[in-house]
Amino acid sequence: MTISETTRREMHARLVDVLGTEAADTLMEYLPPVGWADVATKHDLDRFATKEDLEKFNSHVSDQLNQQTRTLLLGSAAMMAATVSAVSALVSVSH
């Protein structure tokens, strides 16, 4: 439900009738200037910070996995080259 400025003024007038001007003004000061749906809570901000942290963590893990994959592929290529070289050497010695 969106609260219009007219609704806010009507509520203030009723509060003045019930509580008096000073208390009504004080209470109205604690209300947000817009609807509650537009106000971010501490929980919303915590979720945003957590989301940023998770994105940073995911990026870090992805970088580490990419680095590990490159290392494994280069190691495998070196092992294959060494195996081919050793087999070639054995074949040439046996002939």
N, C-alpha and C. Protein backbone atom coordinates (compact mmCIF):
# COMPACT_ATOMS: atom_id res chain seq x y z
N MET A 1 0.84 -1.17 0.00
CA MET A 1 0.00 0.00 0.00
C MET A 1 0.89 1.24 0.00
N THR A 2 0.66 2.12 -0.94
CA THR A 2 1.42 3.35 -1.02
C THR A 2 0.71 4.43 -0.21
N ILE A 3 1.47 5.11 0.61
CA ILE A 3 0.90 6.18 1.44
C ILE A 3 1.13 7.50 0.73
N SER A 4 0.04 8.20 0.44
CA SER A 4 0.14 9.48 -0.24
C SER A 4 0.39 10.59 0.77
N GLU A 5 0.76 11.73 0.27
CA GLU A 5 0.99 12.88 1.14
C GLU A 5 -0.30 13.29 1.83
N THR A 6 -1.42 13.14 1.15
CA THR A 6 -2.72 13.47 1.75
C THR A 6 -2.99 12.55 2.94
N THR A 7 -2.71 11.26 2.78
CA THR A 7 -2.91 10.30 3.86
C THR A 7 -2.02 10.64 5.05
N ARG A 8 -0.78 11.03 4.77
CA ARG A 8 0.14 11.41 5.85
C ARG A 8 -0.38 12.63 6.62
N ARG A 9 -0.91 13.61 5.89
CA ARG A 9 -1.44 14.81 6.56
C ARG A 9 -2.66 14.48 7.41
N GLU A 10 -3.53 13.60 6.87
CA GLU A 10 -4.70 13.19 7.63
C GLU A 10 -4.29 12.44 8.90
N MET A 11 -3.30 11.57 8.77
CA MET A 11 -2.83 10.83 9.94
C MET A 11 -2.23 11.80 10.96
N HIS A 12 -1.48 12.79 10.49
CA HIS A 12 -0.89 13.76 11.42
C HIS A 12 -1.98 14.54 12.16
N ALA A 13 -3.01 14.94 11.42
CA ALA A 13 -4.11 15.68 12.05
C ALA A 13 -4.78 14.84 13.13
N ARG A 14 -4.98 13.57 12.85
CA ARG A 14 -5.61 12.67 13.85
C ARG A 14 -4.69 12.49 15.06
N LEU A 15 -3.39 12.34 14.80
CA LEU A 15 -2.44 12.20 15.90
C LEU A 15 -2.40 13.46 16.77
N VAL A 16 -2.52 14.62 16.14
CA VAL A 16 -2.56 15.88 16.91
C VAL A 16 -3.77 15.87 17.83
N ASP A 17 -4.92 15.39 17.32
CA ASP A 17 -6.13 15.31 18.14
C ASP A 17 -5.94 14.38 19.33
N VAL A 18 -5.24 13.26 19.12
CA VAL A 18 -5.11 12.25 20.15
C VAL A 18 -3.93 12.51 21.07
N LEU A 19 -2.78 12.86 20.49
CA LEU A 19 -1.54 12.96 21.27
C LEU A 19 -1.06 14.39 21.53
N GLY A 20 -1.54 15.31 20.75
CA GLY A 20 -1.03 16.67 20.84
C GLY A 20 -0.01 16.93 19.73
N THR A 21 0.24 18.20 19.47
CA THR A 21 1.09 18.58 18.34
C THR A 21 2.52 18.08 18.48
N GLU A 22 3.13 18.27 19.65
CA GLU A 22 4.53 17.89 19.82
C GLU A 22 4.73 16.38 19.63
N ALA A 23 3.89 15.57 20.26
CA ALA A 23 4.02 14.12 20.14
C ALA A 23 3.70 13.67 18.71
N ALA A 24 2.72 14.28 18.07
CA ALA A 24 2.37 13.93 16.69
C ALA A 24 3.54 14.26 15.75
N ASP A 25 4.13 15.43 15.94
CA ASP A 25 5.29 15.80 15.11
C ASP A 25 6.46 14.83 15.32
N THR A 26 6.71 14.48 16.57
CA THR A 26 7.80 13.55 16.87
C THR A 26 7.56 12.20 16.21
N LEU A 27 6.34 11.69 16.33
CA LEU A 27 6.01 10.40 15.73
C LEU A 27 6.15 10.44 14.21
N MET A 28 5.69 11.52 13.61
CA MET A 28 5.77 11.64 12.15
C MET A 28 7.22 11.72 11.67
N GLU A 29 8.09 12.26 12.49
CA GLU A 29 9.51 12.34 12.13
C GLU A 29 10.13 10.94 11.97
N TYR A 30 9.60 9.97 12.69
CA TYR A 30 10.13 8.61 12.63
C TYR A 30 9.61 7.82 11.43
N LEU A 31 8.61 8.33 10.75
CA LEU A 31 8.09 7.64 9.57
C LEU A 31 8.96 7.97 8.36
N PRO A 32 9.15 7.02 7.48
CA PRO A 32 9.94 7.31 6.29
C PRO A 32 9.18 8.26 5.37
N PRO A 33 9.90 9.02 4.55
CA PRO A 33 9.24 9.97 3.67
C PRO A 33 8.52 9.29 2.50
N VAL A 34 8.76 7.99 2.30
CA VAL A 34 8.13 7.23 1.22
C VAL A 34 7.54 5.97 1.82
N GLY A 35 6.98 5.12 0.98
CA GLY A 35 6.42 3.87 1.47
C GLY A 35 7.50 2.95 1.99
N TRP A 36 7.14 2.05 2.90
CA TRP A 36 8.09 1.12 3.50
C TRP A 36 8.73 0.21 2.46
N ALA A 37 8.06 -0.04 1.37
CA ALA A 37 8.61 -0.91 0.33
C ALA A 37 9.87 -0.31 -0.30
N ASP A 38 10.02 1.01 -0.20
CA ASP A 38 11.17 1.69 -0.80
C ASP A 38 12.33 1.86 0.15
N VAL A 39 12.19 1.40 1.39
CA VAL A 39 13.23 1.58 2.39
C VAL A 39 14.06 0.31 2.50
N ALA A 40 15.38 0.47 2.41
CA ALA A 40 16.28 -0.68 2.57
C ALA A 40 16.51 -0.93 4.06
N THR A 41 16.45 -2.19 4.44
CA THR A 41 16.70 -2.55 5.83
C THR A 41 18.15 -2.98 6.00
N LYS A 42 18.59 -3.14 7.25
CA LYS A 42 19.94 -3.65 7.51
C LYS A 42 20.10 -5.03 6.91
N HIS A 43 19.04 -5.82 6.97
CA HIS A 43 19.06 -7.17 6.40
C HIS A 43 19.31 -7.10 4.89
N ASP A 44 18.66 -6.16 4.21
CA ASP A 44 18.87 -5.98 2.77
C ASP A 44 20.33 -5.64 2.48
N LEU A 45 20.89 -4.75 3.27
CA LEU A 45 22.28 -4.34 3.08
C LEU A 45 23.24 -5.49 3.37
N ASP A 46 22.93 -6.29 4.40
CA ASP A 46 23.76 -7.46 4.72
C ASP A 46 23.73 -8.47 3.58
N ARG A 47 22.56 -8.69 3.00
CA ARG A 47 22.44 -9.61 1.88
C ARG A 47 23.24 -9.12 0.69
N PHE A 48 23.23 -7.80 0.44
CA PHE A 48 23.98 -7.23 -0.66
C PHE A 48 25.48 -7.42 -0.43
N ALA A 49 25.93 -7.17 0.79
CA ALA A 49 27.35 -7.35 1.11
C ALA A 49 27.73 -8.81 0.96
N THR A 50 26.87 -9.71 1.41
CA THR A 50 27.14 -11.14 1.30
C THR A 50 27.20 -11.54 -0.17
N LYS A 51 26.32 -11.00 -0.97
CA LYS A 51 26.31 -11.31 -2.40
C LYS A 51 27.62 -10.87 -3.03
N GLU A 52 28.10 -9.67 -2.68
CA GLU A 52 29.39 -9.20 -3.20
C GLU A 52 30.52 -10.13 -2.77
N ASP A 53 30.49 -10.55 -1.50
CA ASP A 53 31.51 -11.47 -1.00
C ASP A 53 31.49 -12.79 -1.76
N LEU A 54 30.30 -13.31 -2.02
CA LEU A 54 30.18 -14.56 -2.75
C LEU A 54 30.68 -14.42 -4.19
N GLU A 55 30.39 -13.28 -4.81
CA GLU A 55 30.87 -13.05 -6.17
C GLU A 55 32.39 -12.99 -6.20
N LYS A 56 32.99 -12.33 -5.21
CA LYS A 56 34.45 -12.26 -5.13
C LYS A 56 35.03 -13.66 -4.91
N PHE A 57 34.41 -14.43 -4.02
CA PHE A 57 34.87 -15.79 -3.74
C PHE A 57 34.77 -16.66 -4.99
N ASN A 58 33.63 -16.58 -5.69
CA ASN A 58 33.45 -17.35 -6.92
C ASN A 58 34.49 -16.99 -7.96
N SER A 59 34.79 -15.71 -8.08
CA SER A 59 35.80 -15.26 -9.03
C SER A 59 37.17 -15.81 -8.65
N HIS A 60 37.49 -15.78 -7.37
CA HIS A 60 38.78 -16.29 -6.89
C HIS A 60 38.89 -17.80 -7.16
N VAL A 61 37.84 -18.55 -6.84
CA VAL A 61 37.85 -20.00 -7.06
C VAL A 61 37.99 -20.29 -8.55
N SER A 62 37.27 -19.54 -9.37
CA SER A 62 37.35 -19.74 -10.82
C SER A 62 38.78 -19.49 -11.33
N ASP A 63 39.41 -18.43 -10.85
CA ASP A 63 40.79 -18.14 -11.24
C ASP A 63 41.73 -19.26 -10.81
N GLN A 64 41.55 -19.76 -9.60
CA GLN A 64 42.41 -20.83 -9.10
C GLN A 64 42.20 -22.12 -9.91
N LEU A 65 40.95 -22.44 -10.25
CA LEU A 65 40.68 -23.62 -11.06
C LEU A 65 41.29 -23.49 -12.45
N ASN A 66 41.20 -22.31 -13.03
CA ASN A 66 41.80 -22.09 -14.35
C ASN A 66 43.31 -22.29 -14.29
N GLN A 67 43.93 -21.75 -13.25
CA GLN A 67 45.38 -21.89 -13.09
C GLN A 67 45.75 -23.37 -12.90
N GLN A 68 45.00 -24.07 -12.08
CA GLN A 68 45.27 -25.49 -11.83
C GLN A 68 45.09 -26.31 -13.12
N THR A 69 44.07 -26.00 -13.89
CA THR A 69 43.82 -26.70 -15.14
C THR A 69 44.99 -26.50 -16.11
N ARG A 70 45.46 -25.26 -16.22
CA ARG A 70 46.62 -24.99 -17.09
C ARG A 70 47.83 -25.79 -16.64
N THR A 71 48.07 -25.80 -15.33
CA THR A 71 49.22 -26.54 -14.79
C THR A 71 49.10 -28.03 -15.09
N LEU A 72 47.92 -28.60 -14.88
CA LEU A 72 47.73 -30.02 -15.17
C LEU A 72 47.88 -30.34 -16.65
N LEU A 73 47.35 -29.49 -17.52
CA LEU A 73 47.48 -29.73 -18.95
C LEU A 73 48.93 -29.63 -19.41
N LEU A 74 49.65 -28.64 -18.92
CA LEU A 74 51.06 -28.51 -19.28
C LEU A 74 51.86 -29.69 -18.75
N GLY A 75 51.57 -30.12 -17.52
CA GLY A 75 52.24 -31.29 -16.95
C GLY A 75 51.96 -32.54 -17.75
N SER A 76 50.69 -32.73 -18.15
CA SER A 76 50.32 -33.89 -18.95
C SER A 76 51.01 -33.86 -20.31
N ALA A 77 51.08 -32.70 -20.91
CA ALA A 77 51.76 -32.58 -22.21
C ALA A 77 53.24 -32.91 -22.07
N ALA A 78 53.88 -32.45 -20.99
CA ALA A 78 55.29 -32.75 -20.76
C ALA A 78 55.49 -34.25 -20.54
N MET A 79 54.59 -34.88 -19.78
CA MET A 79 54.69 -36.33 -19.55
C MET A 79 54.52 -37.10 -20.86
N MET A 80 53.58 -36.68 -21.69
CA MET A 80 53.38 -37.35 -22.97
C MET A 80 54.61 -37.19 -23.86
N ALA A 81 55.17 -36.00 -23.88
CA ALA A 81 56.37 -35.77 -24.68
C ALA A 81 57.52 -36.65 -24.18
N ALA A 82 57.67 -36.75 -22.85
CA ALA A 82 58.72 -37.59 -22.28
C ALA A 82 58.48 -39.06 -22.61
N THR A 83 57.24 -39.49 -22.57
CA THR A 83 56.91 -40.89 -22.89
C THR A 83 57.20 -41.19 -24.35
N VAL A 84 56.78 -40.31 -25.24
CA VAL A 84 57.04 -40.49 -26.67
C VAL A 84 58.54 -40.52 -26.92
N SER A 85 59.27 -39.64 -26.26
CA SER A 85 60.72 -39.60 -26.43
C SER A 85 61.36 -40.89 -25.93
N ALA A 86 60.91 -41.39 -24.78
CA ALA A 86 61.47 -42.62 -24.23
C ALA A 86 61.14 -43.82 -25.12
N VAL A 87 59.91 -43.89 -25.61
CA VAL A 87 59.53 -44.98 -26.50
C VAL A 87 60.34 -44.91 -27.79
N SER A 88 60.53 -43.72 -28.31
CA SER A 88 61.33 -43.54 -29.53
C SER A 88 62.76 -44.00 -29.31
N ALA A 89 63.31 -43.65 -28.16
CA ALA A 89 64.68 -44.06 -27.83
C ALA A 89 64.76 -45.58 -27.71
N LEU A 90 63.81 -46.22 -27.07
CA LEU A 90 63.81 -47.68 -26.96
C LEU A 90 63.67 -48.36 -28.30
N VAL A 91 62.83 -47.81 -29.16
CA VAL A 91 62.62 -48.39 -30.49
C VAL A 91 63.92 -48.29 -31.29
N SER A 92 64.58 -47.14 -31.24
CA SER A 92 65.81 -46.98 -32.01
C SER A 92 66.95 -47.83 -31.45
N VAL A 93 66.99 -48.09 -30.16
CA VAL A 93 68.02 -48.93 -29.57
C VAL A 93 67.77 -50.39 -29.95
N SER A 94 66.51 -50.76 -29.98
CA SER A 94 66.18 -52.17 -30.27
C SER A 94 66.38 -52.51 -31.74
N HIS A 95 66.47 -51.58 -32.62
CA HIS A 95 66.66 -51.88 -34.05
C HIS A 95 68.08 -51.89 -34.38
